[in-house]
Amino acid sequence: GYATIVDPWTVEIKRDDGETQRLTTRSIVIATGGRPFVPDLPGLEETGYVTSDTLWEEFAQMDDIPKRMVVLGGGPIGCELSQAFARLGAKVVQVERADRLLAKEDDEVAELAMSAQQGSGVHVLTGHDAIRCEMVDGEKRLILEAGGEEKSVAFDALVIAVGRSARLTGFGLEELGIETDRTVVTDDYLATLYPNIYAAGDVAGPYQFTHVASHQAWFASVNALFGQFRKFKADYRVIPWTTFIDPEIARVGLNEQDAKEQGVAYEVTTYEMDDLDRAIAESATQGFVKVLTPPGKDKILGVTIVGNNAGELLAEYVLAMKYGLGLNKILGTIHTYPTMAEANKFAAGEWKRAHAPDGLLRWVERYHDWMRG
């Protein structure tokens, strides 16, 4: 049924059987999630569209996937869907308003993603703005604008993947006066204006990842149940995420783009996958491990990994960052040979070589020269 919060301790449910049910409670957790954002494109309702939420049901009713697909959006969801359907045999055109894909990633990562998309058969149009949809002689078309000129792209299915927005309406927030600003406004403990009403997941922000929603759910639930004794602040210090294209792109902490914007001084250490034995054996040499550290220190500010199973490889760095372990600790940890995880150790080794103690090494050299007589 459909639920409405009628007061801070009561939820009213209009059930599918026509009855109305009321539940009373000491605490409420709002976990209504998010929905795909659909732009206000003229003609969109006439031509029709699907989103990452609805395409599975729509396509399941077809004998085959649509032959010509346009994916609107160059973020993670747009890239994942474009590559997947191109590999399944559709002719896919991916449209992005910005001048590159994956705007939150560093330039070389975006370039690699572009290469991966094109290598999978996706026709990528960056720097193109969607302005309207049209039906021309029974054919669906998306009209784009780039450089002051219009371009028409015919399609059988249009996938909208330009972002997601929190579900904030229809269940009582407005009537209770619970503050929203793109998401439900909460304190550090995930409580809203009412101390017994909490929010978790996409509806609470600031990150729209399933694993962050699960993380928040623990804090909201425990604080709701035991907050009168002890409360726990939600911890967002180390948030990883992965874009599941081939090769995978995994991130945690700062990248160069973020560091420059925030004025954070940094050094970059990069280890290329084409040097890794397991990657060579698997013919999976595309990609790298890129680590940002403060100048002269082994503290990990952020990591970007591109390559097969990058999301799994990232976990070691997530753990290290959460518990304050530096690259020297990773370098001193035995990694099984031959595995992809050795890339993490070798990246730490690259950092160590760049920060070799030259004075000590010169003294050691003189010592061994003397020992040899």
Protein backbone atom coordinates (compact mmCIF):
# COMPACT_ATOMS: atom_id res chain seq x y z
CA GLY A 1 0.00 0.00 0.00
CA TYR A 2 0.84 3.69 0.09
CA ALA A 3 2.12 5.12 3.36
CA THR A 4 1.85 8.66 4.73
CA ILE A 5 3.46 9.98 7.91
CA VAL A 6 0.52 11.74 9.56
CA ASP A 7 2.39 12.76 12.71
CA PRO A 8 5.82 11.96 14.19
CA TRP A 9 4.52 8.72 15.72
CA THR A 10 1.91 7.53 13.22
CA VAL A 11 2.03 6.12 9.69
CA GLU A 12 -1.19 5.65 7.75
CA ILE A 13 -1.26 3.04 4.97
CA LYS A 14 -3.79 2.96 2.15
CA ARG A 15 -3.69 -0.74 1.39
CA ASP A 16 -4.18 -2.38 -1.98
CA ASP A 17 -7.31 -4.07 -0.67
CA GLY A 18 -8.97 -0.68 -0.14
CA GLU A 19 -8.63 -0.68 3.63
CA THR A 20 -6.74 1.91 5.67
CA GLN A 21 -4.30 0.80 8.35
CA ARG A 22 -2.49 2.85 10.99
CA LEU A 23 0.78 1.96 12.66
CA THR A 24 2.09 3.75 15.74
CA THR A 25 5.77 3.78 16.62
CA ARG A 26 8.49 5.43 18.65
CA SER A 27 10.74 5.97 15.62
CA ILE A 28 10.43 6.18 11.83
CA VAL A 29 13.11 5.69 9.16
CA ILE A 30 12.49 7.32 5.78
CA ALA A 31 14.12 5.15 3.11
CA THR A 32 12.14 6.02 -0.01
CA GLY A 33 15.21 6.02 -2.26
CA GLY A 34 15.49 7.91 -5.53
CA ARG A 35 14.12 7.90 -9.04
CA PRO A 36 15.71 8.59 -12.42
CA PHE A 37 15.61 12.27 -13.31
CA VAL A 38 13.72 12.82 -16.56
CA PRO A 39 14.46 16.11 -18.37
CA ASP A 40 11.65 18.25 -19.75
CA LEU A 41 12.28 17.49 -23.43
CA PRO A 42 9.56 18.56 -25.89
CA GLY A 43 8.07 15.52 -27.61
CA LEU A 44 9.46 13.04 -25.07
CA GLU A 45 6.06 11.69 -24.04
CA GLU A 46 5.10 11.20 -27.70
CA THR A 47 8.17 9.14 -28.60
CA GLY A 48 8.38 7.36 -25.25
CA TYR A 49 11.42 6.52 -23.16
CA VAL A 50 12.76 4.09 -20.59
CA THR A 51 15.03 4.54 -17.58
CA SER A 52 17.39 2.34 -15.63
CA ASP A 53 14.37 1.49 -13.44
CA THR A 54 11.89 0.61 -16.19
CA LEU A 55 13.86 -0.76 -19.14
CA TRP A 56 14.11 -4.27 -17.72
CA GLU A 57 10.34 -4.76 -17.62
CA GLU A 58 9.86 -3.02 -20.97
CA PHE A 59 12.50 -5.04 -22.80
CA ALA A 60 11.44 -8.32 -21.15
CA GLN A 61 8.17 -8.07 -23.07
CA MET A 62 10.00 -7.92 -26.42
CA ASP A 63 11.26 -10.81 -28.53
CA ASP A 64 14.61 -9.06 -28.88
CA ILE A 65 16.29 -5.90 -27.63
CA PRO A 66 15.67 -2.72 -29.66
CA LYS A 67 17.98 -2.54 -32.67
CA ARG A 68 18.65 1.20 -32.43
CA MET A 69 19.13 2.68 -28.98
CA VAL A 70 20.00 6.16 -27.83
CA VAL A 71 21.35 6.50 -24.29
CA LEU A 72 21.11 10.03 -22.94
CA GLY A 73 23.81 10.57 -20.33
CA GLY A 74 27.55 10.08 -20.01
CA GLY A 75 27.78 9.24 -16.33
CA PRO A 76 28.31 5.79 -14.81
CA ILE A 77 24.78 4.48 -15.50
CA GLY A 78 24.79 5.79 -19.06
CA CYS A 79 28.19 4.24 -19.76
CA GLU A 80 27.26 0.89 -18.20
CA LEU A 81 24.00 0.57 -20.13
CA SER A 82 25.50 1.78 -23.41
CA GLN A 83 28.34 -0.74 -23.36
CA ALA A 84 26.10 -3.59 -22.19
CA PHE A 85 23.48 -3.17 -24.93
CA ALA A 86 26.10 -2.58 -27.61
CA ARG A 87 27.67 -5.91 -26.64
CA LEU A 88 24.25 -7.51 -26.82
CA GLY A 89 23.96 -6.43 -30.44
CA ALA A 90 22.13 -3.10 -30.40
CA LYS A 91 23.33 -0.12 -32.39
CA VAL A 92 23.89 2.33 -29.54
CA VAL A 93 24.41 6.08 -29.68
CA GLN A 94 25.45 7.62 -26.35
CA VAL A 95 24.84 11.34 -25.95
CA GLU A 96 26.57 13.55 -23.38
CA ARG A 97 26.20 17.32 -23.00
CA ALA A 98 29.69 17.80 -21.55
CA ASP A 99 32.86 17.52 -23.60
CA ARG A 100 33.76 14.12 -22.13
CA LEU A 101 32.32 11.10 -20.37
CA LEU A 102 32.47 10.53 -16.60
CA ALA A 103 32.85 14.16 -15.58
CA LYS A 104 33.88 13.30 -12.00
CA GLU A 105 36.89 11.24 -13.11
CA ASP A 106 40.34 12.44 -14.18
CA ASP A 107 40.97 13.17 -17.85
CA GLU A 108 42.94 10.01 -18.62
CA VAL A 109 40.23 7.89 -16.98
CA ALA A 110 37.57 9.57 -19.11
CA GLU A 111 39.69 8.99 -22.22
CA LEU A 112 40.05 5.32 -21.37
CA ALA A 113 36.29 5.06 -20.83
CA MET A 114 35.70 6.66 -24.22
CA SER A 115 38.05 4.16 -25.83
CA ALA A 116 36.28 1.28 -24.07
CA GLN A 117 32.87 2.48 -25.23
CA GLN A 118 34.00 2.88 -28.82
CA GLY A 119 35.76 -0.49 -28.72
CA SER A 120 32.45 -2.07 -27.72
CA GLY A 121 30.69 -0.49 -30.69
CA VAL A 122 29.10 2.50 -28.94
CA HIS A 123 28.92 5.68 -31.01
CA VAL A 124 29.65 8.42 -28.47
CA LEU A 125 28.55 12.01 -29.07
CA THR A 126 30.05 14.37 -26.47
CA GLY A 127 29.36 18.08 -26.54
CA HIS A 128 25.83 17.45 -27.82
CA ASP A 129 22.73 18.84 -26.13
CA ALA A 130 19.37 17.09 -26.51
CA ILE A 131 16.74 19.70 -27.39
CA ARG A 132 13.59 17.75 -28.44
CA CYS A 133 12.11 14.48 -29.63
CA GLU A 134 10.09 14.08 -32.82
CA MET A 135 8.00 11.53 -34.70
CA VAL A 136 8.78 11.75 -38.44
CA ASP A 137 6.85 9.38 -40.74
CA GLY A 138 6.39 6.97 -37.85
CA GLU A 139 10.09 7.06 -36.92
CA LYS A 140 11.29 8.24 -33.52
CA ARG A 141 14.06 10.83 -33.56
CA LEU A 142 16.11 12.71 -31.00
CA ILE A 143 17.19 16.19 -32.12
CA LEU A 144 20.59 17.29 -30.84
CA GLU A 145 22.40 20.60 -30.97
CA ALA A 146 26.17 21.01 -31.18
CA GLY A 147 28.09 24.09 -32.24
CA GLY A 148 24.91 25.87 -33.26
CA GLU A 149 23.85 23.09 -35.63
CA GLU A 150 21.10 20.52 -35.24
CA LYS A 151 21.53 16.79 -35.72
CA SER A 152 18.85 14.11 -35.88
CA VAL A 153 19.35 10.60 -34.48
CA ALA A 154 16.75 7.91 -35.18
CA PHE A 155 16.00 5.38 -32.45
CA ASP A 156 13.78 2.48 -31.48
CA ALA A 157 14.36 3.01 -27.75
CA LEU A 158 15.52 6.07 -25.81
CA VAL A 159 17.18 5.42 -22.45
CA ILE A 160 17.23 8.39 -20.06
CA ALA A 161 20.28 8.15 -17.77
CA VAL A 162 21.10 11.74 -16.79
CA GLY A 163 21.01 11.29 -13.02
CA ARG A 164 18.69 10.46 -10.15
CA SER A 165 16.71 12.53 -7.67
CA ALA A 166 15.42 11.75 -4.18
CA ARG A 167 11.78 10.70 -3.65
CA LEU A 168 10.56 13.51 -1.41
CA THR A 169 6.86 13.91 -2.10
CA GLY A 170 3.64 12.05 -1.52
CA PHE A 171 4.24 10.58 1.94
CA GLY A 172 3.86 13.47 4.35
CA LEU A 173 7.13 15.41 4.54
CA GLU A 174 5.48 18.63 3.39
CA GLU A 175 2.70 18.50 5.99
CA LEU A 176 5.14 17.81 8.82
CA GLY A 177 7.49 20.58 7.71
CA ILE A 178 10.49 18.25 7.41
CA GLU A 179 13.15 20.25 5.59
CA THR A 180 14.38 19.11 2.19
CA ASP A 181 17.08 20.47 -0.09
CA ARG A 182 17.31 18.02 -3.01
CA THR A 183 17.39 15.39 -0.23
CA VAL A 184 15.93 15.12 3.26
CA VAL A 185 17.98 17.33 5.55
CA THR A 186 19.44 15.35 8.46
CA ASP A 187 21.95 15.89 11.23
CA ASP A 188 25.16 13.91 11.71
CA TYR A 189 23.12 11.08 13.25
CA LEU A 190 20.70 10.94 10.27
CA ALA A 191 17.85 12.46 12.31
CA THR A 192 15.50 14.98 10.70
CA LEU A 193 13.78 18.00 12.24
CA TYR A 194 12.00 15.46 14.45
CA PRO A 195 14.59 13.60 16.55
CA ASN A 196 12.69 10.31 16.23
CA ILE A 197 12.39 10.45 12.42
CA TYR A 198 15.50 9.39 10.54
CA ALA A 199 16.42 9.14 6.85
CA ALA A 200 18.81 6.79 5.03
CA GLY A 201 19.81 6.03 1.46
CA ASP A 202 19.34 8.08 -1.69
CA VAL A 203 16.58 10.12 -0.06
CA ALA A 204 19.10 11.34 2.52
CA GLY A 205 22.16 11.73 0.30
CA PRO A 206 24.86 12.85 -0.04
CA TYR A 207 25.91 9.77 -2.04
CA GLN A 208 23.70 7.68 -4.31
CA PHE A 209 25.25 4.25 -3.89
CA THR A 210 23.63 1.07 -2.62
CA HIS A 211 26.56 0.35 -0.32
CA VAL A 212 26.29 3.84 1.23
CA ALA A 213 22.55 3.31 1.74
CA SER A 214 23.32 0.07 3.58
CA HIS A 215 25.96 1.89 5.62
CA GLN A 216 23.47 4.63 6.56
CA ALA A 217 20.76 2.09 7.36
CA TRP A 218 22.89 0.72 10.20
CA PHE A 219 23.37 4.18 11.75
CA ALA A 220 19.72 5.20 11.33
CA SER A 221 18.42 1.93 12.78
CA VAL A 222 20.81 1.79 15.74
CA ASN A 223 20.26 5.46 16.59
CA ALA A 224 16.49 4.99 16.34
CA LEU A 225 16.58 1.98 18.65
CA PHE A 226 19.20 3.03 21.19
CA GLY A 227 19.65 6.79 20.71
CA GLN A 228 18.48 7.52 24.24
CA PHE A 229 21.61 5.73 25.49
CA ARG A 230 24.16 6.44 22.77
CA LYS A 231 24.16 7.84 19.24
CA PHE A 232 26.60 7.17 16.40
CA LYS A 233 27.58 9.70 13.74
CA ALA A 234 27.38 8.44 10.16
CA ASP A 235 30.93 8.10 8.83
CA TYR A 236 31.53 9.31 5.25
CA ARG A 237 35.31 9.69 5.45
CA VAL A 238 36.08 6.87 3.04
CA ILE A 239 33.48 6.27 0.32
CA PRO A 240 34.39 3.94 -2.57
CA TRP A 241 32.52 3.49 -5.83
CA THR A 242 32.91 1.59 -9.09
CA THR A 243 31.71 2.16 -12.64
CA PHE A 244 30.99 -1.30 -14.04
CA ILE A 245 32.15 -1.00 -17.61
CA ASP A 246 34.92 -3.10 -19.10
CA PRO A 247 37.53 -2.30 -17.84
CA GLU A 248 36.09 -1.34 -14.45
CA ILE A 249 36.81 2.10 -12.98
CA ALA A 250 37.03 2.18 -9.17
CA ARG A 251 37.55 5.23 -6.96
CA VAL A 252 38.03 6.15 -3.33
CA GLY A 253 39.04 9.50 -1.87
CA LEU A 254 40.54 12.28 -3.95
CA ASN A 255 41.59 12.16 -7.58
CA GLU A 256 43.70 14.84 -9.24
CA GLN A 257 40.66 16.78 -10.36
CA ASP A 258 39.31 16.92 -6.79
CA ALA A 259 42.69 17.79 -5.27
CA LYS A 260 43.19 20.73 -7.63
CA GLU A 261 39.69 22.07 -6.96
CA GLN A 262 40.22 21.80 -3.19
CA GLY A 263 43.76 23.19 -3.25
CA VAL A 264 45.24 20.01 -1.75
CA ALA A 265 48.96 19.47 -2.39
CA TYR A 266 49.66 15.99 -3.73
CA GLU A 267 52.00 13.60 -5.50
CA VAL A 268 50.90 10.97 -8.02
CA THR A 269 52.17 7.39 -8.15
CA THR A 270 51.02 5.22 -11.07
CA TYR A 271 51.50 1.53 -11.74
CA GLU A 272 50.50 0.27 -15.20
CA MET A 273 48.66 -3.05 -15.45
CA ASP A 274 50.68 -4.10 -18.52
CA ASP A 275 53.60 -4.77 -16.14
CA LEU A 276 51.60 -7.21 -13.97
CA ASP A 277 52.12 -10.94 -14.61
CA ARG A 278 48.53 -11.96 -13.87
CA ALA A 279 47.16 -9.21 -16.10
CA ILE A 280 49.47 -10.33 -18.91
CA ALA A 281 48.36 -13.95 -18.47
CA GLU A 282 44.70 -12.89 -18.55
CA SER A 283 45.20 -10.55 -21.55
CA ALA A 284 43.85 -7.81 -19.26
CA THR A 285 46.68 -5.31 -19.45
CA GLN A 286 44.53 -2.23 -19.99
CA GLY A 287 44.47 0.08 -16.99
CA PHE A 288 46.48 1.27 -14.01
CA VAL A 289 46.58 1.93 -10.29
CA LYS A 290 46.89 5.62 -9.49
CA VAL A 291 47.54 6.77 -5.91
CA LEU A 292 47.57 10.31 -4.54
CA THR A 293 49.69 11.06 -1.46
CA PRO A 294 50.85 14.25 0.29
CA PRO A 295 54.29 15.38 -0.94
CA GLY A 296 56.94 13.20 0.68
CA LYS A 297 54.47 11.16 2.76
CA ASP A 298 52.93 7.73 2.26
CA LYS A 299 49.46 8.70 3.55
CA ILE A 300 46.83 7.74 0.98
CA LEU A 301 44.65 10.67 -0.10
CA GLY A 302 42.84 8.79 -2.84
CA VAL A 303 43.09 5.97 -5.34
CA THR A 304 41.76 5.37 -8.84
CA ILE A 305 42.04 1.88 -10.30
CA VAL A 306 41.19 1.03 -13.90
CA GLY A 307 41.27 -2.61 -14.96
CA ASN A 308 39.71 -6.04 -14.56
CA ASN A 309 38.16 -6.46 -11.11
CA ALA A 310 39.13 -2.92 -10.14
CA GLY A 311 36.28 -2.80 -7.64
CA GLU A 312 37.74 -5.79 -5.78
CA LEU A 313 41.28 -4.40 -5.90
CA LEU A 314 40.11 -1.11 -4.40
CA ALA A 315 39.01 -2.76 -1.14
CA GLU A 316 42.58 -2.94 0.17
CA TYR A 317 42.97 0.82 -0.21
CA VAL A 318 39.56 1.50 1.35
CA LEU A 319 40.62 -0.47 4.42
CA ALA A 320 44.00 1.29 4.52
CA MET A 321 42.46 4.76 4.29
CA LYS A 322 39.81 4.02 6.92
CA TYR A 323 42.37 2.86 9.46
CA GLY A 324 45.19 5.25 8.58
CA LEU A 325 47.57 2.75 6.96
CA GLY A 326 50.03 4.17 4.44
CA LEU A 327 51.73 2.80 1.33
CA ASN A 328 54.64 1.47 3.38
CA LYS A 329 52.23 -0.89 5.17
CA ILE A 330 50.83 -2.14 1.86
CA LEU A 331 54.36 -2.61 0.50
CA GLY A 332 55.27 -4.65 3.57
CA THR A 333 52.25 -6.96 3.16
CA ILE A 334 52.71 -10.25 1.28
CA HIS A 335 50.43 -10.54 -1.74
CA THR A 336 49.90 -13.91 -3.43
CA TYR A 337 51.66 -14.44 -6.76
CA PRO A 338 50.31 -14.27 -9.42
CA THR A 339 47.22 -12.19 -8.61
CA MET A 340 45.74 -8.91 -9.75
CA ALA A 341 46.03 -7.70 -6.14
CA GLU A 342 49.81 -7.54 -6.53
CA ALA A 343 49.18 -4.33 -8.48
CA ASN A 344 48.49 -2.63 -5.14
CA LYS A 345 51.81 -3.75 -3.70
CA PHE A 346 53.69 -2.76 -6.84
CA ALA A 347 52.07 0.68 -6.82
CA ALA A 348 53.37 1.09 -3.27
CA GLY A 349 56.77 -0.07 -4.53
CA GLU A 350 56.73 2.65 -7.19
CA TRP A 351 56.12 5.21 -4.47
CA LYS A 352 58.96 3.77 -2.37
CA ARG A 353 61.43 3.92 -5.26
CA ALA A 354 60.55 7.56 -5.84
CA HIS A 355 61.24 8.27 -2.17
CA ALA A 356 64.36 6.18 -1.68
CA PRO A 357 66.59 7.51 1.15
CA ASP A 358 69.52 8.59 -1.03
CA GLY A 359 71.77 9.57 1.87
CA LEU A 360 71.33 6.20 3.58
CA LEU A 361 71.87 4.31 0.31
CA ARG A 362 75.14 6.16 -0.32
CA TRP A 363 76.31 5.23 3.18
CA VAL A 364 75.32 1.57 2.61
CA GLU A 365 77.20 1.59 -0.70
CA ARG A 366 80.34 2.87 0.95
CA TYR A 367 79.96 0.27 3.73
CA HIS A 368 79.77 -2.64 1.31
CA ASP A 369 82.64 -1.26 -0.78
CA TRP A 370 84.69 -1.28 2.43
CA MET A 371 83.49 -4.83 3.30
CA ARG A 372 84.65 -6.10 -0.10
CA GLY A 373 88.05 -4.63 0.54
